[in-house]
PDB file of N, CA and C in Angstrom:
ATOM      1  N   MET A   1      -6.156  67.511  97.201  1.00  0.00           N
ATOM      2  CA  MET A   1      -6.926  68.495  96.452  1.00  0.00           C
ATOM      3  C   MET A   1      -8.277  67.624  96.009  1.00  0.00           C
ATOM      4  N   SER A   2      -8.372  66.596  95.610  1.00  0.00           N
ATOM      5  CA  SER A   2      -9.633  65.746  95.376  1.00  0.00           C
ATOM      6  C   SER A   2      -9.515  64.698  96.111  1.00  0.00           C
ATOM      7  N   ASP A   3      -8.616  64.354  96.900  1.00  0.00           N
ATOM      8  CA  ASP A   3      -8.448  63.068  98.069  1.00  0.00           C
ATOM      9  C   ASP A   3      -9.389  63.362  98.909  1.00  0.00           C
ATOM     10  N   GLN A   4     -10.434  64.313  99.008  1.00  0.00           N
ATOM     11  CA  GLN A   4     -11.286  64.386 100.258  1.00  0.00           C
ATOM     12  C   GLN A   4     -12.218  63.170 100.211  1.00  0.00           C
ATOM     13  N   ASN A   5     -12.698  62.801  98.803  1.00  0.00           N
ATOM     14  CA  ASN A   5     -13.868  61.815  98.665  1.00  0.00           C
ATOM     15  C   ASN A   5     -13.419  60.543  98.893  1.00  0.00           C
ATOM     16  N   VAL A   6     -12.019  60.197  98.634  1.00  0.00           N
ATOM     17  CA  VAL A   6     -11.665  58.756  98.920  1.00  0.00           C
ATOM     18  C   VAL A   6     -11.571  58.256 100.451  1.00  0.00           C
ATOM     19  N   THR A   7     -12.232  56.985 100.494  1.00  0.00           N
ATOM     20  CA  THR A   7     -12.313  56.508 101.871  1.00  0.00           C
ATOM     21  C   THR A   7     -11.383  55.302 102.009  1.00  0.00           C
ATOM     22  N   GLN A   8     -10.856  55.152 102.859  1.00  0.00           N
ATOM     23  CA  GLN A   8      -9.837  53.924 103.220  1.00  0.00           C
ATOM     24  C   GLN A   8     -10.923  52.582 103.605  1.00  0.00           C
ATOM     25  N   ALA A   9     -10.753  51.531 103.154  1.00  0.00           N
ATOM     26  CA  ALA A   9     -11.729  50.586 103.758  1.00  0.00           C
ATOM     27  C   ALA A   9     -10.784  49.953 104.926  1.00  0.00           C
ATOM     28  N   PRO A  10     -11.532  49.825 105.968  1.00  0.00           N
ATOM     29  CA  PRO A  10     -10.789  49.363 107.228  1.00  0.00           C
ATOM     30  C   PRO A  10     -10.378  47.920 106.903  1.00  0.00           C
ATOM     31  N   GLU A  11      -8.869  47.795 107.566  1.00  0.00           N
ATOM     32  CA  GLU A  11      -8.116  46.622 107.363  1.00  0.00           C
ATOM     33  C   GLU A  11      -9.216  45.267 108.256  1.00  0.00           C
ATOM     34  N   GLN A  12      -9.152  44.075 107.676  1.00  0.00           N
ATOM     35  CA  GLN A  12      -9.706  43.435 108.127  1.00  0.00           C
ATOM     36  C   GLN A  12      -8.545  42.417 108.992  1.00  0.00           C
ATOM     37  N   ARG A  13      -8.320  42.550 110.095  1.00  0.00           N
ATOM     38  CA  ARG A  13      -7.406  41.560 110.819  1.00  0.00           C
ATOM     39  C   ARG A  13      -7.786  40.466 111.435  1.00  0.00           C
ATOM     40  N   THR A  14      -7.685  39.495 110.793  1.00  0.00           N
ATOM     41  CA  THR A  14      -8.259  38.030 111.251  1.00  0.00           C
ATOM     42  C   THR A  14      -7.193  37.546 112.573  1.00  0.00           C
ATOM     43  N   GLN A  15      -7.558  37.052 113.798  1.00  0.00           N
ATOM     44  CA  GLN A  15      -6.442  36.798 114.689  1.00  0.00           C
ATOM     45  C   GLN A  15      -6.482  35.234 114.772  1.00  0.00           C
ATOM     46  N   VAL A  16      -5.187  34.572 114.526  1.00  0.00           N
ATOM     47  CA  VAL A  16      -5.311  33.283 114.649  1.00  0.00           C
ATOM     48  C   VAL A  16      -5.083  32.698 115.844  1.00  0.00           C
ATOM     49  N   SER A  17      -5.700  31.686 116.108  1.00  0.00           N
ATOM     50  CA  SER A  17      -5.579  31.078 117.308  1.00  0.00           C
ATOM     51  C   SER A  17      -4.569  30.237 117.565  1.00  0.00           C
ATOM     52  N   PRO A  18      -3.703  30.062 118.665  1.00  0.00           N
ATOM     53  CA  PRO A  18      -2.661  29.194 118.917  1.00  0.00           C
ATOM     54  C   PRO A  18      -3.082  27.651 118.932  1.00  0.00           C
ATOM     55  N   THR A  19      -2.291  27.062 118.154  1.00  0.00           N
ATOM     56  CA  THR A  19      -2.330  25.411 118.160  1.00  0.00           C
ATOM     57  C   THR A  19      -1.216  24.940 118.976  1.00  0.00           C
ATOM     58  N   PRO A  20      -1.440  23.719 119.379  1.00  0.00           N
ATOM     59  CA  PRO A  20      -0.242  22.864 120.137  1.00  0.00           C
ATOM     60  C   PRO A  20       1.043  22.919 118.827  1.00  0.00           C
ATOM     61  N   PHE A  21       0.586  22.604 117.756  1.00  0.00           N
ATOM     62  CA  PHE A  21       1.710  22.260 116.824  1.00  0.00           C
ATOM     63  C   PHE A  21       2.521  23.496 116.401  1.00  0.00           C
ATOM     64  N   ARG A  22       1.749  24.807 116.379  1.00  0.00           N
ATOM     65  CA  ARG A  22       2.369  25.990 116.138  1.00  0.00           C
ATOM     66  C   ARG A  22       3.113  26.632 117.154  1.00  0.00           C
ATOM     67  N   CYS A  23       2.616  25.964 118.404  1.00  0.00           N
ATOM     68  CA  CYS A  23       3.618  26.366 119.593  1.00  0.00           C
ATOM     69  C   CYS A  23       4.813  25.862 119.664  1.00  0.00           C
ATOM     70  N   LEU A  24       4.663  24.498 119.420  1.00  0.00           N
ATOM     71  CA  LEU A  24       5.920  23.467 119.337  1.00  0.00           C
ATOM     72  C   LEU A  24       7.142  24.005 118.350  1.00  0.00           C
ATOM     73  N   THR A  25       6.207  24.241 117.236  1.00  0.00           N
ATOM     74  CA  THR A  25       7.468  24.794 116.089  1.00  0.00           C
ATOM     75  C   THR A  25       8.073  26.102 116.644  1.00  0.00           C
ATOM     76  N   GLY A  26       7.347  26.830 117.229  1.00  0.00           N
ATOM     77  CA  GLY A  26       7.744  28.178 117.351  1.00  0.00           C
ATOM     78  C   GLY A  26       8.867  27.624 118.537  1.00  0.00           C
ATOM     79  N   ALA A  27       8.704  26.865 119.686  1.00  0.00           N
ATOM     80  CA  ALA A  27       9.432  26.517 120.804  1.00  0.00           C
ATOM     81  C   ALA A  27      10.827  25.810 120.401  1.00  0.00           C
ATOM     82  N   ILE A  28      10.769  25.185 119.213  1.00  0.00           N
ATOM     83  CA  ILE A  28      11.711  24.389 118.627  1.00  0.00           C
ATOM     84  C   ILE A  28      12.704  25.665 117.895  1.00  0.00           C
ATOM     85  N   MET A  29      12.196  26.412 117.231  1.00  0.00           N
ATOM     86  CA  MET A  29      13.039  27.670 116.421  1.00  0.00           C
ATOM     87  C   MET A  29      13.547  28.492 117.613  1.00  0.00           C
ATOM     88  N   SER A  30      12.830  28.846 118.631  1.00  0.00           N
ATOM     89  CA  SER A  30      13.220  29.475 119.559  1.00  0.00           C
ATOM     90  C   SER A  30      14.552  28.812 120.523  1.00  0.00           C
ATOM     91  N   GLY A  31      14.370  27.632 120.719  1.00  0.00           N
ATOM     92  CA  GLY A  31      15.415  26.887 121.290  1.00  0.00           C
ATOM     93  C   GLY A  31      16.357  26.914 120.515  1.00  0.00           C
ATOM     94  N   GLY A  32      16.344  26.735 119.008  1.00  0.00           N
ATOM     95  CA  GLY A  32      17.677  26.554 118.307  1.00  0.00           C
ATOM     96  C   GLY A  32      18.131  27.875 118.374  1.00  0.00           C
ATOM     97  N   LEU A  33      17.495  28.841 118.275  1.00  0.00           N
ATOM     98  CA  LEU A  33      18.191  30.021 118.330  1.00  0.00           C
ATOM     99  C   LEU A  33      18.917  30.556 119.809  1.00  0.00           C
ATOM    100  N   ALA A  34      18.276  29.865 121.001  1.00  0.00           N
ATOM    101  CA  ALA A  34      18.836  30.032 122.209  1.00  0.00           C
ATOM    102  C   ALA A  34      20.387  29.187 122.567  1.00  0.00           C
ATOM    103  N   PHE A  35      20.130  28.130 121.667  1.00  0.00           N
ATOM    104  CA  PHE A  35      21.417  27.172 121.658  1.00  0.00           C
ATOM    105  C   PHE A  35      22.491  27.662 120.781  1.00  0.00           C
ATOM    106  N   ALA A  36      22.165  28.420 119.553  1.00  0.00           N
ATOM    107  CA  ALA A  36      23.097  29.062 118.787  1.00  0.00           C
ATOM    108  C   ALA A  36      23.541  30.312 119.567  1.00  0.00           C
ATOM    109  N   SER A  37      22.872  30.928 120.148  1.00  0.00           N
ATOM    110  CA  SER A  37      23.480  32.262 121.218  1.00  0.00           C
ATOM    111  C   SER A  37      24.278  31.910 121.982  1.00  0.00           C
ATOM    112  N   TYR A  38      23.972  30.645 122.644  1.00  0.00           N
ATOM    113  CA  TYR A  38      24.690  30.227 123.707  1.00  0.00           C
ATOM    114  C   TYR A  38      26.153  29.722 123.384  1.00  0.00           C
ATOM    115  N   SER A  39      26.088  29.039 122.023  1.00  0.00           N
ATOM    116  CA  SER A  39      27.278  28.466 121.564  1.00  0.00           C
ATOM    117  C   SER A  39      28.058  29.837 121.149  1.00  0.00           C
ATOM    118  N   LEU A  40      27.694  30.813 120.737  1.00  0.00           N
ATOM    119  CA  LEU A  40      28.488  31.936 120.147  1.00  0.00           C
ATOM    120  C   LEU A  40      29.036  32.719 121.562  1.00  0.00           C
ATOM    121  N   MET A  41      27.939  32.679 122.635  1.00  0.00           N
ATOM    122  CA  MET A  41      28.346  33.392 123.893  1.00  0.00           C
ATOM    123  C   MET A  41      29.658  32.880 124.522  1.00  0.00           C
ATOM    124  N   MET A  42      29.627  31.380 124.389  1.00  0.00           N
ATOM    125  CA  MET A  42      31.013  30.603 124.869  1.00  0.00           C
ATOM    126  C   MET A  42      31.984  30.543 124.388  1.00  0.00           C
ATOM    127  N   ALA A  43      31.796  30.892 122.885  1.00  0.00           N
ATOM    128  CA  ALA A  43      33.102  31.096 121.917  1.00  0.00           C
ATOM    129  C   ALA A  43      33.563  32.255 122.076  1.00  0.00           C
ATOM    130  N   SER A  44      32.819  33.208 122.292  1.00  0.00           N
ATOM    131  CA  SER A  44      33.348  34.641 122.338  1.00  0.00           C
ATOM    132  C   SER A  44      33.954  34.756 123.861  1.00  0.00           C
ATOM    133  N   ALA A  45      33.327  34.177 124.885  1.00  0.00           N
ATOM    134  CA  ALA A  45      34.010  34.320 126.125  1.00  0.00           C
ATOM    135  C   ALA A  45      35.464  33.475 126.317  1.00  0.00           C
ATOM    136  N   THR A  46      35.619  32.304 125.689  1.00  0.00           N
ATOM    137  CA  THR A  46      36.474  31.558 125.509  1.00  0.00           C
ATOM    138  C   THR A  46      37.650  32.405 124.862  1.00  0.00           C
ATOM    139  N   THR A  47      37.311  33.000 123.615  1.00  0.00           N
ATOM    140  CA  THR A  47      38.220  33.906 122.851  1.00  0.00           C
ATOM    141  C   THR A  47      38.926  35.020 123.912  1.00  0.00           C
ATOM    142  N   PHE A  48      37.913  35.714 124.339  1.00  0.00           N
ATOM    143  CA  PHE A  48      38.503  36.726 125.228  1.00  0.00           C
ATOM    144  C   PHE A  48      39.299  36.271 126.320  1.00  0.00           C
ATOM    145  N   ALA A  49      38.876  35.182 126.992  1.00  0.00           N
ATOM    146  CA  ALA A  49      39.705  34.727 128.013  1.00  0.00           C
ATOM    147  C   ALA A  49      41.294  34.198 127.590  1.00  0.00           C
ATOM    148  N   ASN A  50      41.204  33.722 126.476  1.00  0.00           N
ATOM    149  CA  ASN A  50      42.541  33.357 125.812  1.00  0.00           C
ATOM    150  C   ASN A  50      43.560  34.168 125.359  1.00  0.00           C
ATOM    151  N   LYS A  51      42.909  35.263 124.923  1.00  0.00           N
ATOM    152  CA  LYS A  51      43.695  36.748 124.762  1.00  0.00           C
ATOM    153  C   LYS A  51      43.537  37.747 125.557  1.00  0.00           C
ATOM    154  N   PRO A  52      44.775  37.892 126.752  1.00  0.00           N
ATOM    155  CA  PRO A  52      44.373  38.848 127.624  1.00  0.00           C
ATOM    156  C   PRO A  52      45.161  40.248 126.849  1.00  0.00           C
ATOM    157  N   ILE A  53      44.621  41.332 127.723  1.00  0.00           N
ATOM    158  CA  ILE A  53      45.055  42.536 127.113  1.00  0.00           C
ATOM    159  C   ILE A  53      46.433  43.052 127.575  1.00  0.00           C
ATOM    160  N   HIS A  54      47.148  43.400 126.531  1.00  0.00           N
ATOM    161  CA  HIS A  54      48.716  43.845 126.737  1.00  0.00           C
ATOM    162  C   HIS A  54      48.813  45.409 126.461  1.00  0.00           C
ATOM    163  N   SER A  55      48.738  45.934 127.600  1.00  0.00           N
ATOM    164  CA  SER A  55      48.637  47.399 127.700  1.00  0.00           C
ATOM    165  C   SER A  55      49.248  47.772 129.111  1.00  0.00           C
ATOM    166  N   ASP A  56      49.854  48.844 129.205  1.00  0.00           N
ATOM    167  CA  ASP A  56      50.360  49.378 130.558  1.00  0.00           C
ATOM    168  C   ASP A  56      49.354  50.546 131.048  1.00  0.00           C
ATOM    169  N   ASN A  57      48.545  51.267 130.263  1.00  0.00           N
ATOM    170  CA  ASN A  57      47.637  52.006 130.353  1.00  0.00           C
ATOM    171  C   ASN A  57      46.439  51.599 130.917  1.00  0.00           C
ATOM    172  N   PRO A  58      46.004  52.032 132.346  1.00  0.00           N
ATOM    173  CA  PRO A  58      44.828  51.482 133.154  1.00  0.00           C
ATOM    174  C   PRO A  58      43.526  51.847 132.494  1.00  0.00           C
ATOM    175  N   MET A  59      43.474  53.043 131.783  1.00  0.00           N
ATOM    176  CA  MET A  59      42.225  53.490 131.087  1.00  0.00           C
ATOM    177  C   MET A  59      42.031  52.178 129.848  1.00  0.00           C
ATOM    178  N   VAL A  60      42.996  52.027 129.230  1.00  0.00           N
ATOM    179  CA  VAL A  60      42.860  50.929 127.994  1.00  0.00           C
ATOM    180  C   VAL A  60      42.343  49.444 128.784  1.00  0.00           C
ATOM    181  N   VAL A  61      43.027  49.236 129.746  1.00  0.00           N
ATOM    182  CA  VAL A  61      42.698  48.020 130.290  1.00  0.00           C
ATOM    183  C   VAL A  61      41.259  48.001 130.785  1.00  0.00           C
ATOM    184  N   ASN A  62      40.902  49.147 131.364  1.00  0.00           N
ATOM    185  CA  ASN A  62      39.645  49.235 132.061  1.00  0.00           C
ATOM    186  C   ASN A  62      38.414  49.323 130.873  1.00  0.00           C
ATOM    187  N   LEU A  63      38.698  50.103 129.714  1.00  0.00           N
ATOM    188  CA  LEU A  63      37.707  50.008 128.707  1.00  0.00           C
ATOM    189  C   LEU A  63      37.643  48.556 127.725  1.00  0.00           C
ATOM    190  N   SER A  64      38.616  48.169 127.763  1.00  0.00           N
ATOM    191  CA  SER A  64      38.527  46.945 126.823  1.00  0.00           C
ATOM    192  C   SER A  64      37.916  45.918 127.990  1.00  0.00           C
ATOM    193  N   SER A  65      38.321  46.054 129.187  1.00  0.00           N
ATOM    194  CA  SER A  65      37.446  44.813 130.070  1.00  0.00           C
ATOM    195  C   SER A  65      35.904  45.156 129.934  1.00  0.00           C
ATOM    196  N   ALA A  66      35.443  46.570 130.018  1.00  0.00           N
ATOM    197  CA  ALA A  66      34.149  46.817 130.010  1.00  0.00           C
ATOM    198  C   ALA A  66      33.536  46.256 128.676  1.00  0.00           C
ATOM    199  N   VAL A  67      34.320  46.604 127.773  1.00  0.00           N
ATOM    200  CA  VAL A  67      33.639  46.208 126.334  1.00  0.00           C
ATOM    201  C   VAL A  67      33.792  44.626 126.382  1.00  0.00           C
ATOM    202  N   ARG A  68      34.370  43.946 126.479  1.00  0.00           N
ATOM    203  CA  ARG A  68      34.535  42.312 126.664  1.00  0.00           C
ATOM    204  C   ARG A  68      33.149  42.229 127.645  1.00  0.00           C
ATOM    205  N   THR A  69      33.152  42.716 128.547  1.00  0.00           N
ATOM    206  CA  THR A  69      31.985  42.116 129.430  1.00  0.00           C
ATOM    207  C   THR A  69      30.536  42.401 128.820  1.00  0.00           C
ATOM    208  N   LEU A  70      30.513  43.670 128.262  1.00  0.00           N
ATOM    209  CA  LEU A  70      29.178  44.167 127.500  1.00  0.00           C
ATOM    210  C   LEU A  70      28.908  43.118 126.393  1.00  0.00           C
ATOM    211  N   VAL A  71      29.441  42.762 125.586  1.00  0.00           N
ATOM    212  CA  VAL A  71      29.343  41.966 124.574  1.00  0.00           C
ATOM    213  C   VAL A  71      29.234  40.570 125.038  1.00  0.00           C
ATOM    214  N   VAL A  72      29.874  39.943 125.967  1.00  0.00           N
ATOM    215  CA  VAL A  72      29.345  38.480 126.549  1.00  0.00           C
ATOM    216  C   VAL A  72      28.009  38.926 127.325  1.00  0.00           C
ATOM    217  N   GLY A  73      27.855  40.120 127.846  1.00  0.00           N
ATOM    218  CA  GLY A  73      26.318  40.129 128.563  1.00  0.00           C
ATOM    219  C   GLY A  73      25.237  40.436 127.768  1.00  0.00           C
ATOM    220  N   ILE A  74      25.544  40.918 126.586  1.00  0.00           N
ATOM    221  CA  ILE A  74      24.414  41.148 125.378  1.00  0.00           C
ATOM    222  C   ILE A  74      24.109  39.903 124.932  1.00  0.00           C
ATOM    223  N   ILE A  75      25.014  39.214 124.571  1.00  0.00           N
ATOM    224  CA  ILE A  75      25.089  37.779 124.134  1.00  0.00           C
ATOM    225  C   ILE A  75      23.972  36.921 125.096  1.00  0.00           C
ATOM    226  N   ALA A  76      24.476  37.109 126.186  1.00  0.00           N
ATOM    227  CA  ALA A  76      23.784  36.229 127.409  1.00  0.00           C
ATOM    228  C   ALA A  76      22.519  36.514 127.507  1.00  0.00           C
ATOM    229  N   LEU A  77      22.001  37.706 127.510  1.00  0.00           N
ATOM    230  CA  LEU A  77      20.713  38.300 127.521  1.00  0.00           C
ATOM    231  C   LEU A  77      19.967  37.636 126.429  1.00  0.00           C
ATOM    232  N   GLY A  78      20.423  37.783 125.239  1.00  0.00           N
ATOM    233  CA  GLY A  78      19.781  37.230 124.098  1.00  0.00           C
ATOM    234  C   GLY A  78      19.569  35.562 124.177  1.00  0.00           C
ATOM    235  N   THR A  79      20.568  34.946 125.005  1.00  0.00           N
ATOM    236  CA  THR A  79      20.457  33.479 124.953  1.00  0.00           C
ATOM    237  C   THR A  79      19.313  33.264 126.042  1.00  0.00           C
ATOM    238  N   GLY A  80      19.578  34.088 127.024  1.00  0.00           N
ATOM    239  CA  GLY A  80      18.174  34.039 128.193  1.00  0.00           C
ATOM    240  C   GLY A  80      16.654  34.106 127.604  1.00  0.00           C
ATOM    241  N   ILE A  81      16.734  35.097 127.043  1.00  0.00           N
ATOM    242  CA  ILE A  81      15.214  35.782 126.224  1.00  0.00           C
ATOM    243  C   ILE A  81      14.842  34.415 125.420  1.00  0.00           C
ATOM    244  N   PHE A  82      15.790  34.099 124.377  1.00  0.00           N
ATOM    245  CA  PHE A  82      15.176  32.874 123.708  1.00  0.00           C
ATOM    246  C   PHE A  82      15.001  31.663 124.293  1.00  0.00           C
ATOM    247  N   GLY A  83      15.693  31.309 125.433  1.00  0.00           N
ATOM    248  CA  GLY A  83      15.553  30.192 126.386  1.00  0.00           C
ATOM    249  C   GLY A  83      14.148  30.312 126.930  1.00  0.00           C
ATOM    250  N   VAL A  84      13.762  31.711 127.673  1.00  0.00           N
ATOM    251  CA  VAL A  84      12.511  31.649 128.291  1.00  0.00           C
ATOM    252  C   VAL A  84      11.298  31.559 127.243  1.00  0.00           C
ATOM    253  N   VAL A  85      11.536  32.226 125.880  1.00  0.00           N
ATOM    254  CA  VAL A  85      10.475  32.062 125.166  1.00  0.00           C
ATOM    255  C   VAL A  85      10.168  30.804 124.814  1.00  0.00           C
ATOM    256  N   ALA A  86      11.147  29.668 124.440  1.00  0.00           N
ATOM    257  CA  ALA A  86      11.098  28.400 124.394  1.00  0.00           C
ATOM    258  C   ALA A  86      10.339  27.667 125.236  1.00  0.00           C
ATOM    259  N   ILE A  87      10.677  27.925 126.695  1.00  0.00           N
ATOM    260  CA  ILE A  87      10.212  27.466 127.878  1.00  0.00           C
ATOM    261  C   ILE A  87       8.630  27.848 127.842  1.00  0.00           C
ATOM    262  N   GLY A  88       8.344  28.943 127.273  1.00  0.00           N
ATOM    263  CA  GLY A  88       7.040  29.413 127.678  1.00  0.00           C
ATOM    264  C   GLY A  88       5.989  28.949 126.668  1.00  0.00           C
ATOM    265  N   LEU A  89       6.614  28.835 125.279  1.00  0.00           N
ATOM    266  CA  LEU A  89       5.643  27.990 124.196  1.00  0.00           C
ATOM    267  C   LEU A  89       5.631  26.694 124.397  1.00  0.00           C
ATOM    268  N   LEU A  90       6.628  26.134 125.022  1.00  0.00           N
ATOM    269  CA  LEU A  90       6.226  24.609 125.316  1.00  0.00           C
ATOM    270  C   LEU A  90       5.327  24.339 126.669  1.00  0.00           C
ATOM    271  N   ALA A  91       5.205  25.304 127.421  1.00  0.00           N
ATOM    272  CA  ALA A  91       4.173  25.598 128.571  1.00  0.00           C
ATOM    273  C   ALA A  91       2.797  25.711 127.882  1.00  0.00           C
ATOM    274  N   LEU A  92       2.619  26.615 127.087  1.00  0.00           N
ATOM    275  CA  LEU A  92       1.515  26.979 126.235  1.00  0.00           C
ATOM    276  C   LEU A  92       0.875  25.706 125.221  1.00  0.00           C
ATOM    277  N   ALA A  93       1.984  25.094 124.680  1.00  0.00           N
ATOM    278  CA  ALA A  93       1.248  23.900 123.931  1.00  0.00           C
ATOM    279  C   ALA A  93       0.692  22.822 124.947  1.00  0.00           C
ATOM    280  N   VAL A  94       1.591  22.763 126.117  1.00  0.00           N
ATOM    281  CA  VAL A  94       0.846  21.601 127.041  1.00  0.00           C
ATOM    282  C   VAL A  94      -0.491  21.965 127.502  1.00  0.00           C
ATOM    283  N   GLN A  95      -0.485  23.409 127.711  1.00  0.00           N
ATOM    284  CA  GLN A  95      -1.879  23.807 128.174  1.00  0.00           C
ATOM    285  C   GLN A  95      -2.760  23.547 127.210  1.00  0.00           C
ATOM    286  N   LEU A  96      -2.649  23.875 125.776  1.00  0.00           N
ATOM    287  CA  LEU A  96      -3.432  23.861 124.926  1.00  0.00           C
ATOM    288  C   LEU A  96      -3.990  22.467 124.618  1.00  0.00           C
ATOM    289  N   LEU A  97      -2.902  21.430 124.982  1.00  0.00           N
ATOM    290  CA  LEU A  97      -3.186  19.985 124.871  1.00  0.00           C
ATOM    291  C   LEU A  97      -4.140  19.504 125.721  1.00  0.00           C
ATOM    292  N   VAL A  98      -3.992  20.069 126.926  1.00  0.00           N
ATOM    293  CA  VAL A  98      -4.991  19.689 128.008  1.00  0.00           C
ATOM    294  C   VAL A  98      -6.099  20.253 127.938  1.00  0.00           C
ATOM    295  N   GLN A  99      -6.371  21.471 127.555  1.00  0.00           N
ATOM    296  CA  GLN A  99      -7.569  21.927 127.171  1.00  0.00           C
ATOM    297  C   GLN A  99      -8.621  21.303 126.237  1.00  0.00           C
ATOM    298  N   GLN A 100      -7.684  20.970 125.156  1.00  0.00           N
ATOM    299  CA  GLN A 100      -8.238  20.098 124.044  1.00  0.00           C
ATOM    300  C   GLN A 100      -8.834  18.690 124.356  1.00  0.00           C
ATOM    301  N   LEU A 101      -7.737  18.163 125.465  1.00  0.00           N
ATOM    302  CA  LEU A 101      -8.455  16.798 125.842  1.00  0.00           C
ATOM    303  C   LEU A 101      -9.423  16.917 126.922  1.00  0.00           C
ATOM    304  N   THR A 102      -9.577  17.778 127.685  1.00  0.00           N
ATOM    305  CA  THR A 102     -10.622  17.919 128.563  1.00  0.00           C
ATOM    306  C   THR A 102     -11.938  18.325 128.064  1.00  0.00           C
ATOM    307  N   LYS A 103     -11.798  19.300 126.837  1.00  0.00           N
ATOM    308  CA  LYS A 103     -12.925  19.299 126.081  1.00  0.00           C
ATOM    309  C   LYS A 103     -13.679  18.210 125.402  1.00  0.00           C
ATOM    310  N   GLN A 104     -12.859  17.609 124.954  1.00  0.00           N
ATOM    311  CA  GLN A 104     -13.340  16.467 124.110  1.00  0.00           C
ATOM    312  C   GLN A 104     -14.017  15.311 125.075  1.00  0.00           C
ATOM    313  N   LYS A 105     -13.525  15.112 126.371  1.00  0.00           N
ATOM    314  CA  LYS A 105     -14.115  14.170 127.275  1.00  0.00           C
ATOM    315  C   LYS A 105     -15.471  14.687 127.775  1.00  0.00           C
ATOM    316  N   SER A 106     -15.568  16.017 127.766  1.00  0.00           N
ATOM    317  CA  SER A 106     -16.697  16.362 128.599  1.00  0.00           C
ATOM    318  C   SER A 106     -17.926  16.836 127.428  1.00  0.00           C
TER     319      SER A 106
END
């Protein structure tokens, strides 16, 4: 009704530049999550391996095998993603350190 005259102020987004400390902090957190996810994957795979499927119905065996594979696979995917992110953040921290050192010398 009378909202036509109200103007929204544009949001000011400030972009924070990456620093080696922030990259290392993120790499440590991501590496910790990767380790936790790896531990969870190994525990679930071991549990599934120690408890075989007791059924004579081939459909039940196939479905439970597929579900077990999907569960372990999704956890492995999360482990891989967190691991790659940790490695990438470590590489970025090294790159930023090298850039800072070469900028100071010149």
